[in-house]
Amino acid sequence: MKKKQIESFEAGYRRLESIVQALDSSQHPLEEMLALYEEGIRISQYCEAELDKAELKVTQLQVLPPDES
């Protein structure tokens, strides 16, 4: 199965929400649910990394002298 490229944090988050809904519904075959779970893990790791980058950027901006911001 070819892995889709995640376009942005927001797109990843929306896809993650749809995966959670699909898994909650339990109306998919086991193989499909496992594939969705795997995709969800990959997307959550991507989103977590993006949040970490954003947090680092905010932290760096907070320590800049006022004239450099």
N, C-alpha and C. Protein backbone atom coordinates (compact mmCIF):
# COMPACT_ATOMS: atom_id res chain seq x y z
N MET A 1 0.84 -1.18 0.00
CA MET A 1 0.00 0.00 0.00
C MET A 1 0.88 1.24 0.00
N LYS A 2 0.64 2.13 -0.95
CA LYS A 2 1.43 3.35 -1.08
C LYS A 2 1.02 4.34 -0.01
N LYS A 3 2.04 4.92 0.66
CA LYS A 3 1.76 5.88 1.72
C LYS A 3 1.57 7.26 1.12
N LYS A 4 0.50 7.94 1.53
CA LYS A 4 0.23 9.30 1.06
C LYS A 4 1.12 10.29 1.78
N GLN A 5 1.53 11.31 1.05
CA GLN A 5 2.30 12.39 1.64
C GLN A 5 1.35 13.29 2.42
N ILE A 6 1.73 13.68 3.60
CA ILE A 6 0.90 14.58 4.42
C ILE A 6 1.22 16.01 3.99
N GLU A 7 0.21 16.75 3.61
CA GLU A 7 0.40 18.09 3.06
C GLU A 7 0.69 19.14 4.12
N SER A 8 0.03 19.03 5.27
CA SER A 8 0.19 20.04 6.31
C SER A 8 -0.29 19.47 7.63
N PHE A 9 0.00 20.19 8.71
CA PHE A 9 -0.49 19.78 10.02
C PHE A 9 -2.01 19.70 10.01
N GLU A 10 -2.64 20.71 9.45
CA GLU A 10 -4.10 20.78 9.44
C GLU A 10 -4.71 19.62 8.66
N ALA A 11 -4.13 19.31 7.50
CA ALA A 11 -4.62 18.19 6.70
C ALA A 11 -4.42 16.87 7.45
N GLY A 12 -3.27 16.74 8.10
CA GLY A 12 -3.01 15.54 8.88
C GLY A 12 -3.98 15.39 10.03
N TYR A 13 -4.27 16.49 10.69
CA TYR A 13 -5.19 16.46 11.83
C TYR A 13 -6.60 16.06 11.36
N ARG A 14 -7.04 16.63 10.23
CA ARG A 14 -8.37 16.27 9.69
C ARG A 14 -8.42 14.78 9.34
N ARG A 15 -7.36 14.28 8.71
CA ARG A 15 -7.33 12.87 8.34
C ARG A 15 -7.32 11.99 9.60
N LEU A 16 -6.59 12.42 10.59
CA LEU A 16 -6.54 11.67 11.85
C LEU A 16 -7.93 11.60 12.49
N GLU A 17 -8.66 12.70 12.45
CA GLU A 17 -10.03 12.69 12.99
C GLU A 17 -10.92 11.70 12.23
N SER A 18 -10.78 11.66 10.91
CA SER A 18 -11.61 10.74 10.13
C SER A 18 -11.22 9.28 10.40
N ILE A 19 -9.94 9.04 10.64
CA ILE A 19 -9.49 7.68 10.97
C ILE A 19 -10.07 7.26 12.32
N VAL A 20 -10.05 8.15 13.29
CA VAL A 20 -10.60 7.83 14.61
C VAL A 20 -12.09 7.50 14.49
N GLN A 21 -12.83 8.28 13.71
CA GLN A 21 -14.25 8.00 13.51
C GLN A 21 -14.46 6.64 12.87
N ALA A 22 -13.64 6.33 11.86
CA ALA A 22 -13.77 5.03 11.18
C ALA A 22 -13.47 3.88 12.13
N LEU A 23 -12.43 4.04 12.94
CA LEU A 23 -12.08 2.97 13.89
C LEU A 23 -13.15 2.83 14.97
N ASP A 24 -13.74 3.93 15.39
CA ASP A 24 -14.81 3.88 16.39
C ASP A 24 -16.05 3.18 15.87
N SER A 25 -16.30 3.29 14.58
CA SER A 25 -17.52 2.71 14.02
C SER A 25 -17.45 1.18 13.96
N SER A 26 -16.27 0.63 13.92
CA SER A 26 -16.07 -0.83 13.85
C SER A 26 -16.81 -1.48 12.69
N GLN A 27 -17.04 -0.73 11.62
CA GLN A 27 -17.77 -1.28 10.48
C GLN A 27 -16.84 -1.63 9.32
N HIS A 28 -15.56 -1.80 9.61
CA HIS A 28 -14.58 -2.13 8.59
C HIS A 28 -13.98 -3.50 8.90
N PRO A 29 -13.51 -4.19 7.87
CA PRO A 29 -12.83 -5.47 8.11
C PRO A 29 -11.56 -5.24 8.93
N LEU A 30 -11.15 -6.27 9.64
CA LEU A 30 -9.98 -6.18 10.52
C LEU A 30 -8.75 -5.67 9.77
N GLU A 31 -8.48 -6.18 8.59
CA GLU A 31 -7.30 -5.76 7.81
C GLU A 31 -7.34 -4.26 7.53
N GLU A 32 -8.51 -3.76 7.17
CA GLU A 32 -8.65 -2.34 6.89
C GLU A 32 -8.46 -1.51 8.17
N MET A 33 -8.99 -2.00 9.28
CA MET A 33 -8.83 -1.27 10.55
C MET A 33 -7.36 -1.22 10.96
N LEU A 34 -6.64 -2.31 10.74
CA LEU A 34 -5.21 -2.31 11.05
C LEU A 34 -4.46 -1.32 10.16
N ALA A 35 -4.82 -1.26 8.88
CA ALA A 35 -4.18 -0.30 7.97
C ALA A 35 -4.50 1.13 8.40
N LEU A 36 -5.74 1.37 8.80
CA LEU A 36 -6.11 2.71 9.28
C LEU A 36 -5.36 3.06 10.55
N TYR A 37 -5.22 2.09 11.45
CA TYR A 37 -4.48 2.32 12.69
C TYR A 37 -3.03 2.68 12.38
N GLU A 38 -2.43 1.93 11.47
CA GLU A 38 -1.04 2.19 11.08
C GLU A 38 -0.90 3.60 10.48
N GLU A 39 -1.83 3.96 9.61
CA GLU A 39 -1.81 5.30 9.03
C GLU A 39 -1.97 6.36 10.11
N GLY A 40 -2.86 6.10 11.06
CA GLY A 40 -3.08 7.04 12.15
C GLY A 40 -1.83 7.25 12.99
N ILE A 41 -1.11 6.19 13.26
CA ILE A 41 0.15 6.30 14.02
C ILE A 41 1.13 7.17 13.25
N ARG A 42 1.26 6.92 11.95
CA ARG A 42 2.20 7.69 11.13
C ARG A 42 1.81 9.17 11.11
N ILE A 43 0.53 9.46 10.97
CA ILE A 43 0.07 10.84 10.93
C ILE A 43 0.26 11.51 12.29
N SER A 44 -0.03 10.79 13.37
CA SER A 44 0.12 11.39 14.70
C SER A 44 1.59 11.71 14.97
N GLN A 45 2.51 10.87 14.50
CA GLN A 45 3.94 11.15 14.66
C GLN A 45 4.33 12.40 13.87
N TYR A 46 3.80 12.52 12.66
CA TYR A 46 4.06 13.71 11.84
C TYR A 46 3.53 14.97 12.54
N CYS A 47 2.30 14.91 13.02
CA CYS A 47 1.68 16.07 13.68
C CYS A 47 2.45 16.44 14.95
N GLU A 48 2.88 15.44 15.70
CA GLU A 48 3.64 15.71 16.92
C GLU A 48 4.96 16.41 16.58
N ALA A 49 5.62 15.96 15.52
CA ALA A 49 6.88 16.59 15.09
C ALA A 49 6.64 18.04 14.66
N GLU A 50 5.54 18.28 13.96
CA GLU A 50 5.20 19.64 13.53
C GLU A 50 4.92 20.54 14.73
N LEU A 51 4.22 20.02 15.72
CA LEU A 51 3.96 20.79 16.94
C LEU A 51 5.25 21.09 17.69
N ASP A 52 6.15 20.12 17.73
CA ASP A 52 7.45 20.34 18.38
C ASP A 52 8.22 21.45 17.68
N LYS A 53 8.19 21.46 16.34
CA LYS A 53 8.86 22.53 15.59
C LYS A 53 8.25 23.89 15.89
N ALA A 54 6.92 23.94 15.93
CA ALA A 54 6.23 25.20 16.22
C ALA A 54 6.56 25.68 17.64
N GLU A 55 6.60 24.77 18.59
CA GLU A 55 6.92 25.13 19.97
C GLU A 55 8.35 25.68 20.06
N LEU A 56 9.28 25.04 19.35
CA LEU A 56 10.66 25.51 19.34
C LEU A 56 10.73 26.92 18.74
N LYS A 57 10.02 27.15 17.67
CA LYS A 57 10.00 28.46 17.02
C LYS A 57 9.47 29.53 17.97
N VAL A 58 8.38 29.24 18.67
CA VAL A 58 7.80 30.18 19.62
C VAL A 58 8.80 30.47 20.74
N THR A 59 9.45 29.43 21.24
CA THR A 59 10.44 29.61 22.29
C THR A 59 11.59 30.49 21.81
N GLN A 60 12.05 30.27 20.59
CA GLN A 60 13.13 31.08 20.03
C GLN A 60 12.70 32.53 19.86
N LEU A 61 11.48 32.75 19.44
CA LEU A 61 10.98 34.12 19.26
C LEU A 61 10.84 34.85 20.59
N GLN A 62 10.53 34.12 21.64
CA GLN A 62 10.36 34.74 22.94
C GLN A 62 11.68 35.22 23.53
N VAL A 63 12.80 34.65 23.12
CA VAL A 63 14.08 35.05 23.69
C VAL A 63 14.80 36.08 22.83
N LEU A 64 14.24 36.45 21.68
CA LEU A 64 14.84 37.49 20.84
C LEU A 64 14.74 38.85 21.52
N PRO A 65 15.78 39.66 21.36
CA PRO A 65 15.66 41.05 21.84
C PRO A 65 14.53 41.76 21.09
N PRO A 66 13.87 42.74 21.70
CA PRO A 66 12.71 43.40 21.09
C PRO A 66 12.96 43.94 19.68
N ASP A 67 14.14 44.43 19.38
CA ASP A 67 14.40 45.02 18.06
C ASP A 67 14.62 43.99 16.97
N GLU A 68 14.77 42.71 17.31
CA GLU A 68 14.99 41.67 16.31
C GLU A 68 13.73 40.89 15.98
N SER A 69 12.61 41.19 16.59
CA SER A 69 11.39 40.41 16.33
C SER A 69 10.56 40.98 15.26
